[in-house]
Amino acid sequence: MSGLEALQSAQFVTAKGKRFVVIDVEDWESLVEWLESVEDRQIARQAFEQLRAAGGDRSRAGWKEWDAAKGEVE
C-alpha cells in the first residue's frame, strides 16, 4: 500500500469536541515505512550532492572509509 492509499483509508471520529483520525495499524505501518523511504532518499541525494561538489573525492565530501565506518553499523 502506498502512503497516499494509507492516508485515504483514514476515518475521522469526533469525541469530546475533538476530531481524531483512525487508521488501521497495517496502514499506519505502511505509512511509516513510506516516510522512512522518503527520508532515506533525501539523505542519499544530499550525500551524492556533497560528493559531486567535492569533485568525486569521497574524503573531501566527508565520507568515511569502509573499515572506519564498519564498526559503527555492526
Protein backbone atom coordinates (compact mmCIF):
# COMPACT_ATOMS: atom_id res chain seq x y z
CA MET A 1 0.00 0.00 0.00
CA SER A 2 1.29 3.46 -0.84
CA GLY A 3 1.44 6.32 1.62
CA LEU A 4 -1.37 8.06 -0.23
CA GLU A 5 -3.57 4.97 -0.05
CA ALA A 6 -2.91 4.69 3.68
CA LEU A 7 -3.92 8.31 4.19
CA GLN A 8 -7.03 7.90 2.08
CA SER A 9 -8.12 4.93 4.21
CA ALA A 10 -8.26 7.11 7.33
CA GLN A 11 -11.55 7.59 9.14
CA PHE A 12 -12.47 10.58 11.27
CA VAL A 13 -14.03 10.40 14.74
CA THR A 14 -15.22 13.22 16.97
CA ALA A 15 -15.08 12.78 20.75
CA LYS A 16 -15.37 15.43 23.46
CA GLY A 17 -15.25 18.21 20.88
CA LYS A 18 -12.01 16.99 19.29
CA ARG A 19 -11.60 15.40 15.89
CA PHE A 20 -9.34 12.35 15.60
CA VAL A 21 -8.05 10.25 12.74
CA VAL A 22 -8.36 6.48 12.97
CA ILE A 23 -6.21 4.33 10.73
CA ASP A 24 -5.69 0.59 10.57
CA VAL A 25 -2.40 -0.46 12.19
CA GLU A 26 -1.23 -2.13 8.96
CA ASP A 27 -1.94 1.08 7.05
CA TRP A 28 -0.07 3.03 9.75
CA GLU A 29 2.96 0.75 9.39
CA SER A 30 2.85 1.17 5.61
CA LEU A 31 2.75 4.93 6.04
CA VAL A 32 5.72 4.91 8.44
CA GLU A 33 7.68 2.69 6.03
CA TRP A 34 6.87 5.03 3.15
CA LEU A 35 8.01 8.08 5.14
CA GLU A 36 11.25 6.32 6.12
CA SER A 37 11.92 5.58 2.44
CA VAL A 38 11.35 9.24 1.54
CA GLU A 39 13.78 10.28 4.28
CA ASP A 40 16.38 7.73 3.12
CA ARG A 41 16.19 9.06 -0.45
CA GLN A 42 16.71 12.62 0.79
CA ILE A 43 19.79 11.55 2.78
CA ALA A 44 21.21 9.75 -0.25
CA ARG A 45 20.61 12.76 -2.52
CA GLN A 46 22.39 15.04 -0.04
CA ALA A 47 25.35 12.68 0.19
CA PHE A 48 25.71 12.47 -3.58
CA GLU A 49 25.37 16.24 -3.92
CA GLN A 50 28.23 16.62 -1.42
CA LEU A 51 30.27 14.07 -3.37
CA ARG A 52 29.63 15.91 -6.64
CA ALA A 53 30.60 19.24 -5.01
CA ALA A 54 33.83 17.61 -3.80
CA GLY A 55 34.70 16.61 -7.37
CA GLY A 56 34.11 12.93 -6.64
CA ASP A 57 36.64 12.88 -3.81
CA ARG A 58 34.98 10.84 -1.08
CA SER A 59 37.35 12.05 1.60
CA ARG A 60 36.71 15.73 0.79
CA ALA A 61 32.95 15.02 0.77
CA GLY A 62 33.23 13.74 4.35
CA TRP A 63 32.65 10.09 3.50
CA LYS A 64 34.42 7.59 5.75
CA GLU A 65 36.45 4.62 4.61
CA TRP A 66 34.51 1.36 4.99
CA ASP A 67 36.94 -0.07 7.54
CA ALA A 68 36.42 3.01 9.75
CA ALA A 69 32.63 3.03 9.40
CA LYS A 70 32.08 -0.74 9.58
CA GLY A 71 32.27 -0.84 13.36
CA GLU A 72 29.61 1.87 13.64
CA VAL A 73 26.96 -0.14 11.81
CA GLU A 74 27.54 -3.55 13.35
